[in-house]
C-alpha atoms as a PDB file:
ATOM      1  CA  MET A   1      -1.041 223.228 226.610  1.00  0.00           C
ATOM      2  CA  ALA A   2      -1.985 223.796 229.523  1.00  0.00           C
ATOM      3  CA  ASP A   3      -6.487 223.095 230.148  1.00  0.00           C
ATOM      4  CA  PHE A   4      -8.322 219.931 229.696  1.00  0.00           C
ATOM      5  CA  ASP A   5     -10.647 218.856 231.865  1.00  0.00           C
ATOM      6  CA  GLU A   6      -9.622 214.716 232.669  1.00  0.00           C
ATOM      7  CA  GLU A   7      -5.522 213.422 233.026  1.00  0.00           C
ATOM      8  CA  LEU A   8      -4.431 209.723 232.152  1.00  0.00           C
ATOM      9  CA  ASP A   9      -1.339 208.922 232.907  1.00  0.00           C
ATOM     10  CA  ALA A  10      -0.950 205.587 230.739  1.00  0.00           C
ATOM     11  CA  SER A  11       3.469 205.863 232.057  1.00  0.00           C
ATOM     12  CA  GLY A  12       4.368 202.584 232.072  1.00  0.00           C
ATOM     13  CA  LEU A  13       2.353 201.022 230.212  1.00  0.00           C
ATOM     14  CA  ASN A  14       2.603 199.430 226.201  1.00  0.00           C
ATOM     15  CA  GLU A  15       0.215 199.842 223.617  1.00  0.00           C
ATOM     16  CA  PRO A  16      -2.255 198.963 223.049  1.00  0.00           C
ATOM     17  CA  LEU A  17      -3.321 200.033 227.199  1.00  0.00           C
ATOM     18  CA  PRO A  18      -2.831 204.217 226.555  1.00  0.00           C
ATOM     19  CA  ILE A  19      -5.211 203.127 223.170  1.00  0.00           C
ATOM     20  CA  LEU A  20      -7.738 201.870 225.233  1.00  0.00           C
ATOM     21  CA  ARG A  21      -7.392 203.981 228.964  1.00  0.00           C
ATOM     22  CA  ALA A  22      -7.808 206.319 226.981  1.00  0.00           C
ATOM     23  CA  LYS A  23     -10.837 205.675 224.981  1.00  0.00           C
ATOM     24  CA  LYS A  24     -12.759 205.010 227.743  1.00  0.00           C
ATOM     25  CA  ALA A  25     -11.631 208.324 229.811  1.00  0.00           C
ATOM     26  CA  LEU A  26     -12.744 210.282 226.391  1.00  0.00           C
ATOM     27  CA  SER A  27     -16.516 208.015 226.839  1.00  0.00           C
ATOM     28  CA  GLN A  28     -17.092 210.010 230.276  1.00  0.00           C
ATOM     29  CA  LEU A  29     -16.042 213.302 229.341  1.00  0.00           C
ATOM     30  CA  SER A  30     -18.876 215.405 227.145  1.00  0.00           C
ATOM     31  CA  SER A  31     -18.186 217.164 223.865  1.00  0.00           C
ATOM     32  CA  GLY A  32     -15.615 219.408 223.163  1.00  0.00           C
ATOM     33  CA  GLN A  33     -13.860 218.621 226.481  1.00  0.00           C
ATOM     34  CA  VAL A  34     -10.084 217.751 226.132  1.00  0.00           C
ATOM     35  CA  LEU A  35      -8.021 214.950 228.377  1.00  0.00           C
ATOM     36  CA  HIS A  36      -4.307 215.905 228.614  1.00  0.00           C
ATOM     37  CA  VAL A  37      -2.682 211.385 228.709  1.00  0.00           C
ATOM     38  CA  ILE A  38       0.632 210.930 229.227  1.00  0.00           C
ATOM     39  CA  THR A  39       2.727 207.748 228.081  1.00  0.00           C
ATOM     40  CA  THR A  40       6.053 206.444 227.634  1.00  0.00           C
ATOM     41  CA  ASP A  41       5.597 204.534 224.955  1.00  0.00           C
ATOM     42  CA  PRO A  42       7.411 205.564 222.089  1.00  0.00           C
ATOM     43  CA  GLY A  43       4.637 203.701 219.645  1.00  0.00           C
ATOM     44  CA  SER A  44       1.909 206.057 220.813  1.00  0.00           C
ATOM     45  CA  VAL A  45       2.722 209.432 218.994  1.00  0.00           C
ATOM     46  CA  LYS A  46       1.449 207.246 215.935  1.00  0.00           C
ATOM     47  CA  ASP A  47      -1.237 205.065 217.547  1.00  0.00           C
ATOM     48  CA  PHE A  48      -2.675 208.480 219.106  1.00  0.00           C
ATOM     49  CA  GLU A  49      -2.757 209.907 215.687  1.00  0.00           C
ATOM     50  CA  ALA A  50      -3.768 207.174 214.133  1.00  0.00           C
ATOM     51  CA  PHE A  51      -6.763 206.880 217.572  1.00  0.00           C
ATOM     52  CA  ALA A  52      -7.967 210.447 216.693  1.00  0.00           C
ATOM     53  CA  LYS A  53      -8.814 209.316 213.324  1.00  0.00           C
ATOM     54  CA  GLN A  54     -10.076 206.488 213.427  1.00  0.00           C
ATOM     55  CA  THR A  55     -11.839 208.056 215.956  1.00  0.00           C
ATOM     56  CA  GLY A  56     -13.431 211.699 215.090  1.00  0.00           C
ATOM     57  CA  ASN A  57     -12.241 213.609 217.929  1.00  0.00           C
ATOM     58  CA  GLU A  58      -9.197 215.910 218.061  1.00  0.00           C
ATOM     59  CA  LEU A  59      -5.747 215.128 218.438  1.00  0.00           C
ATOM     60  CA  LEU A  60      -5.346 219.515 219.495  1.00  0.00           C
ATOM     61  CA  GLU A  61      -1.293 218.737 220.321  1.00  0.00           C
ATOM     62  CA  SER A  62       1.369 216.032 221.428  1.00  0.00           C
ATOM     63  CA  ASP A  63       4.964 217.166 222.146  1.00  0.00           C
ATOM     64  CA  GLU A  64       7.503 214.514 224.346  1.00  0.00           C
ATOM     65  CA  GLY A  65       9.875 215.821 226.967  1.00  0.00           C
ATOM     66  CA  GLY A  66      12.620 213.485 230.113  1.00  0.00           C
ATOM     67  CA  GLY A  67      11.253 210.220 228.381  1.00  0.00           C
ATOM     68  CA  LYS A  68       7.818 210.826 227.929  1.00  0.00           C
ATOM     69  CA  TYR A  69       5.302 211.706 225.685  1.00  0.00           C
ATOM     70  CA  TYR A  70       1.954 214.271 226.574  1.00  0.00           C
ATOM     71  CA  PHE A  71      -1.178 213.520 224.299  1.00  0.00           C
ATOM     72  CA  TYR A  72      -4.059 216.519 224.392  1.00  0.00           C
ATOM     73  CA  ILE A  73      -7.433 215.089 222.843  1.00  0.00           C
ATOM     74  CA  ARG A  74     -10.352 217.075 222.327  1.00  0.00           C
ATOM     75  CA  LYS A  75     -13.289 214.674 222.470  1.00  0.00           C
ATOM     76  CA  ALA A  76     -16.039 215.020 219.284  1.00  0.00           C
END
């Protein structure tokens, strides 16, 4: 997926910081916009799945490669 409105690089941060930063970034987006998040914390995979369910935002895609994790979240 290449289309997104805002990118957040949370590499090197451990939970819960990637989620907290993503929550803040999403709060500044309009409904329907997409946030691309990059993390290095393996725990962030489950964290972002749970975050999407709890907040009603849509986890469009998650991917992993080269020790990094990529998430695309559409704001509800």
